[in-house]
C-alpha atoms as a PDB file:
ATOM      1  CA  MET A   1     112.680 124.548  78.633  1.00  0.00           C
ATOM      2  CA  SER A   2     109.933 125.739  80.977  1.00  0.00           C
ATOM      3  CA  THR A   3     110.029 127.422  84.346  1.00  0.00           C
ATOM      4  CA  LEU A   4     107.869 126.190  87.195  1.00  0.00           C
ATOM      5  CA  SER A   5     107.280 127.862  90.524  1.00  0.00           C
ATOM      6  CA  LEU A   6     106.931 125.214  93.203  1.00  0.00           C
ATOM      7  CA  ARG A   7     105.997 125.574  96.851  1.00  0.00           C
ATOM      8  CA  LEU A   8     107.369 122.894  99.161  1.00  0.00           C
ATOM      9  CA  PRO A   9     107.243 122.441 102.901  1.00  0.00           C
ATOM     10  CA  ASP A  10     110.520 123.524 104.491  1.00  0.00           C
ATOM     11  CA  SER A  11     111.287 119.982 105.637  1.00  0.00           C
ATOM     12  CA  ILE A  12     111.020 118.550 102.111  1.00  0.00           C
ATOM     13  CA  HIS A  13     113.092 121.392 100.690  1.00  0.00           C
ATOM     14  CA  ARG A  14     115.749 120.720 103.320  1.00  0.00           C
ATOM     15  CA  HIS A  15     115.856 117.015 102.414  1.00  0.00           C
ATOM     16  CA  ILE A  16     116.023 117.750  98.684  1.00  0.00           C
ATOM     17  CA  LYS A  17     118.863 120.179  99.252  1.00  0.00           C
ATOM     18  CA  GLU A  18     120.770 117.630 101.334  1.00  0.00           C
ATOM     19  CA  VAL A  19     120.279 114.714  98.931  1.00  0.00           C
ATOM     20  CA  ALA A  20     121.096 116.833  95.859  1.00  0.00           C
ATOM     21  CA  ARG A  21     124.311 117.962  97.532  1.00  0.00           C
ATOM     22  CA  LYS A  22     125.264 114.349  98.350  1.00  0.00           C
ATOM     23  CA  GLU A  23     124.525 113.328  94.755  1.00  0.00           C
ATOM     24  CA  GLY A  24     126.556 116.241  93.411  1.00  0.00           C
ATOM     25  CA  VAL A  25     123.688 117.758  91.429  1.00  0.00           C
ATOM     26  CA  SER A  26     121.700 120.957  91.638  1.00  0.00           C
ATOM     27  CA  ILE A  27     118.290 121.023  93.300  1.00  0.00           C
ATOM     28  CA  ASN A  28     116.806 121.681  89.859  1.00  0.00           C
ATOM     29  CA  GLN A  29     118.524 118.617  88.377  1.00  0.00           C
ATOM     30  CA  PHE A  30     117.431 116.477  91.320  1.00  0.00           C
ATOM     31  CA  ILE A  31     113.778 117.527  91.038  1.00  0.00           C
ATOM     32  CA  SER A  32     113.802 117.116  87.233  1.00  0.00           C
ATOM     33  CA  SER A  33     115.209 113.621  87.593  1.00  0.00           C
ATOM     34  CA  ALA A  34     112.706 112.695  90.312  1.00  0.00           C
ATOM     35  CA  VAL A  35     109.781 113.902  88.199  1.00  0.00           C
ATOM     36  CA  ALA A  36     111.099 112.023  85.148  1.00  0.00           C
ATOM     37  CA  GLU A  37     111.378 108.823  87.218  1.00  0.00           C
ATOM     38  CA  LYS A  38     107.813 109.216  88.489  1.00  0.00           C
ATOM     39  CA  ILE A  39     106.460 109.815  84.981  1.00  0.00           C
ATOM     40  CA  SER A  40     108.336 106.756  83.732  1.00  0.00           C
ATOM     41  CA  ALA A  41     106.892 104.607  86.534  1.00  0.00           C
ATOM     42  CA  ILE A  42     103.332 105.756  85.805  1.00  0.00           C
ATOM     43  CA  LEU A  43     103.696 105.239  82.049  1.00  0.00           C
ATOM     44  CA  THR A  44     105.200 101.786  82.609  1.00  0.00           C
ATOM     45  CA  GLU A  45     102.304 100.836  84.874  1.00  0.00           C
ATOM     46  CA  ASP A  46      99.813 102.041  82.247  1.00  0.00           C
ATOM     47  CA  TYR A  47     101.644 100.067  79.545  1.00  0.00           C
ATOM     48  CA  LEU A  48     101.641  96.871  81.618  1.00  0.00           C
ATOM     49  CA  LYS A  49      97.934  97.243  82.444  1.00  0.00           C
ATOM     50  CA  ASP A  50      97.161  97.683  78.748  1.00  0.00           C
ATOM     51  CA  ARG A  51      99.220  94.608  77.857  1.00  0.00           C
ATOM     52  CA  ALA A  52      97.533  92.576  80.608  1.00  0.00           C
ATOM     53  CA  LYS A  53      94.100  93.416  79.164  1.00  0.00           C
ATOM     54  CA  ARG A  54      95.139  91.804  75.872  1.00  0.00           C
ATOM     55  CA  ALA A  55      96.535  88.663  77.489  1.00  0.00           C
ATOM     56  CA  ARG A  56      94.842  85.317  76.953  1.00  0.00           C
ATOM     57  CA  LYS A  57      95.099  82.484  79.458  1.00  0.00           C
ATOM     58  CA  LYS A  58      95.340  79.818  76.762  1.00  0.00           C
ATOM     59  CA  ASP A  59      98.372  81.558  75.224  1.00  0.00           C
ATOM     60  CA  PHE A  60     100.004  81.819  78.653  1.00  0.00           C
ATOM     61  CA  LYS A  61      99.336  78.128  79.335  1.00  0.00           C
ATOM     62  CA  LYS A  62     100.795  77.237  75.932  1.00  0.00           C
ATOM     63  CA  LEU A  63     103.947  79.162  76.794  1.00  0.00           C
ATOM     64  CA  LEU A  64     104.226  77.576  80.243  1.00  0.00           C
ATOM     65  CA  ASP A  65     103.939  74.118  78.683  1.00  0.00           C
ATOM     66  CA  LYS A  66     107.241  74.801  76.893  1.00  0.00           C
ATOM     67  CA  VAL A  67     109.109  75.262  80.185  1.00  0.00           C
ATOM     68  CA  PRO A  68     111.184  72.167  80.943  1.00  0.00           C
ATOM     69  CA  ASN A  69     110.300  70.226  84.083  1.00  0.00           C
ATOM     70  CA  ARG A  70     113.471  70.528  86.172  1.00  0.00           C
ATOM     71  CA  LYS A  71     114.339  70.301  89.815  1.00  0.00           C
ATOM     72  CA  ALA A  72     114.399  73.705  91.532  1.00  0.00           C
ATOM     73  CA  ILE A  73     117.726  75.373  92.236  1.00  0.00           C
ATOM     74  CA  PRO A  74     118.486  75.159  95.972  1.00  0.00           C
ATOM     75  CA  GLY A  75     116.862  78.145  97.678  1.00  0.00           C
ATOM     76  CA  ASP A  76     114.254  78.517  94.914  1.00  0.00           C
ATOM     77  CA  GLU A  77     111.935  75.794  96.172  1.00  0.00           C
ATOM     78  CA  LEU A  78     108.344  76.619  97.035  1.00  0.00           C
END
């Protein structure tokens, strides 16, 4: 495990402290979890962009053609 010195504005530190207390975790655990969530979001976005680059419209159309033509569920209409 690594140690990181982090400077935060007092207002952000105050909010982190408050939220961590409400969640029943330490400030360190809260920040670690927040950073992990951010990394996951960025990596997921990168993955989806990479997948989108490989997509082909004809394959998508072929897949959509398999969807049955049904009446929309009430509330799902366009």
